[in-house]
Amino acid sequence: MVSIKDLEKAGLLLPRDQWGRKDIHSGVNRVGLMASWILAAISSVLMYVGNGQSLTWIGVGGMAVFLAWFTYLSIHAIHVRNRASAHVEGSIPAHDADAGGAAEEAVSDQ
């Protein structure tokens, strides 16, 4: 079982002195998130109405797109948050914050 101390060490919790004092915001693109959930709802209706016919498979495809899109949005928001906190803390230089920075340096060195 994971303890609160483990979660604090992993950086998943705010420091105790900030508990209940800050408004919690998500870094996820809200427009993209709402659009993905609308796609999921439409896909679910299509699967139900399709009754095993072609609309069902269109709904299944829409649901697969929803899952991929939702996963992308979530992972992207985590990367943006981690990049911002790393720059604030100064633990990662700006040019090494993304994988592209290392590739650009390798090309420029040649």
Protein backbone atom coordinates (compact mmCIF):
# COMPACT_ATOMS: atom_id res chain seq x y z
CA MET A 1 0.00 0.00 0.00
CA VAL A 2 1.22 3.51 -0.82
CA SER A 3 1.48 5.93 2.07
CA ILE A 4 0.98 9.68 2.04
CA LYS A 5 4.72 10.13 2.54
CA ASP A 6 5.37 8.03 -0.58
CA LEU A 7 2.98 10.22 -2.55
CA GLU A 8 4.65 13.39 -1.25
CA LYS A 9 8.10 12.06 -2.20
CA ALA A 10 6.82 11.29 -5.70
CA GLY A 11 5.59 14.87 -6.04
CA LEU A 12 1.95 13.86 -6.40
CA LEU A 13 0.73 15.84 -3.39
CA LEU A 14 1.04 19.48 -2.46
CA PRO A 15 3.13 20.25 0.61
CA ARG A 16 1.07 19.93 3.81
CA ASP A 17 1.12 23.66 4.50
CA GLN A 18 -0.68 24.25 1.17
CA TRP A 19 -3.45 21.68 1.71
CA GLY A 20 -6.85 23.34 1.37
CA ARG A 21 -5.36 26.74 0.54
CA LYS A 22 -4.89 26.49 -3.20
CA ASP A 23 -7.51 25.99 -5.84
CA ILE A 24 -6.80 22.81 -7.75
CA HIS A 25 -6.54 23.24 -11.51
CA SER A 26 -5.94 20.72 -14.23
CA GLY A 27 -3.52 21.40 -17.05
CA VAL A 28 -5.63 19.39 -19.47
CA ASN A 29 -6.95 21.25 -22.50
CA ARG A 30 -10.59 21.73 -21.48
CA VAL A 31 -11.92 22.17 -25.02
CA GLY A 32 -10.17 19.01 -26.18
CA LEU A 33 -11.34 17.15 -23.09
CA MET A 34 -14.98 18.14 -23.60
CA ALA A 35 -14.80 17.30 -27.31
CA SER A 36 -13.37 13.86 -26.51
CA TRP A 37 -16.18 13.16 -24.01
CA ILE A 38 -18.78 14.27 -26.57
CA LEU A 39 -17.20 11.83 -29.03
CA ALA A 40 -17.43 9.09 -26.38
CA ALA A 41 -21.11 9.82 -25.77
CA ILE A 42 -21.93 9.84 -29.48
CA SER A 43 -19.96 6.62 -29.96
CA SER A 44 -21.85 4.95 -27.12
CA VAL A 45 -25.20 5.94 -28.62
CA LEU A 46 -24.10 4.67 -32.05
CA MET A 47 -23.05 1.32 -30.57
CA TYR A 48 -26.40 0.98 -28.80
CA VAL A 49 -28.53 2.08 -31.76
CA GLY A 50 -26.46 0.09 -34.26
CA ASN A 51 -27.67 -3.23 -32.84
CA GLY A 52 -24.69 -5.09 -34.26
CA GLN A 53 -24.89 -3.51 -37.69
CA SER A 54 -22.58 -0.93 -39.28
CA LEU A 55 -23.44 1.88 -36.83
CA THR A 56 -22.16 -0.33 -34.04
CA TRP A 57 -18.77 -0.60 -35.69
CA ILE A 58 -18.66 3.12 -36.39
CA GLY A 59 -19.33 3.62 -32.66
CA VAL A 60 -16.56 1.18 -31.76
CA GLY A 61 -14.16 3.10 -34.00
CA GLY A 62 -15.24 6.37 -32.39
CA MET A 63 -14.67 4.89 -28.94
CA ALA A 64 -11.17 3.78 -29.95
CA VAL A 65 -10.45 7.32 -31.18
CA PHE A 66 -11.82 8.68 -27.89
CA LEU A 67 -9.54 6.42 -25.82
CA ALA A 68 -6.47 7.37 -27.83
CA TRP A 69 -7.34 11.09 -27.75
CA PHE A 70 -8.12 11.08 -24.01
CA THR A 71 -4.86 9.27 -23.28
CA TYR A 72 -2.90 11.74 -25.41
CA LEU A 73 -4.52 14.75 -23.68
CA SER A 74 -3.73 13.33 -20.25
CA ILE A 75 -0.12 12.43 -21.02
CA HIS A 76 0.46 15.78 -22.72
CA ALA A 77 -0.86 17.66 -19.67
CA ILE A 78 1.47 15.66 -17.41
CA HIS A 79 4.46 16.47 -19.65
CA VAL A 80 3.60 20.16 -19.69
CA ARG A 81 3.24 20.23 -15.88
CA ASN A 82 6.51 18.34 -15.34
CA ARG A 83 8.37 20.56 -17.80
CA ALA A 84 7.06 23.71 -16.11
CA SER A 85 7.95 22.50 -12.62
CA ALA A 86 11.41 21.37 -13.78
CA HIS A 87 12.11 24.81 -15.25
CA VAL A 88 10.91 26.53 -12.09
CA GLU A 89 13.06 24.32 -9.88
CA GLY A 90 16.00 24.68 -12.26
CA SER A 91 16.64 20.95 -12.38
CA ILE A 92 16.48 20.71 -16.17
CA PRO A 93 18.13 23.24 -18.48
CA ALA A 94 15.74 24.75 -21.03
CA HIS A 95 17.46 23.14 -24.02
CA ASP A 96 17.24 19.63 -22.48
CA ALA A 97 13.58 19.85 -21.46
CA ASP A 98 12.36 17.95 -24.49
CA ALA A 99 13.76 15.13 -26.58
CA GLY A 100 14.02 17.45 -29.58
CA GLY A 101 16.63 19.56 -27.82
CA ALA A 102 19.11 16.70 -27.69
CA ALA A 103 18.51 15.85 -31.35
CA GLU A 104 19.02 19.46 -32.41
CA GLU A 105 22.30 19.65 -30.46
CA ALA A 106 23.55 16.43 -32.07
CA VAL A 107 22.80 17.79 -35.54
CA SER A 108 24.39 21.17 -34.81
CA ASP A 109 27.58 19.52 -33.49
CA GLN A 110 28.22 17.77 -36.79
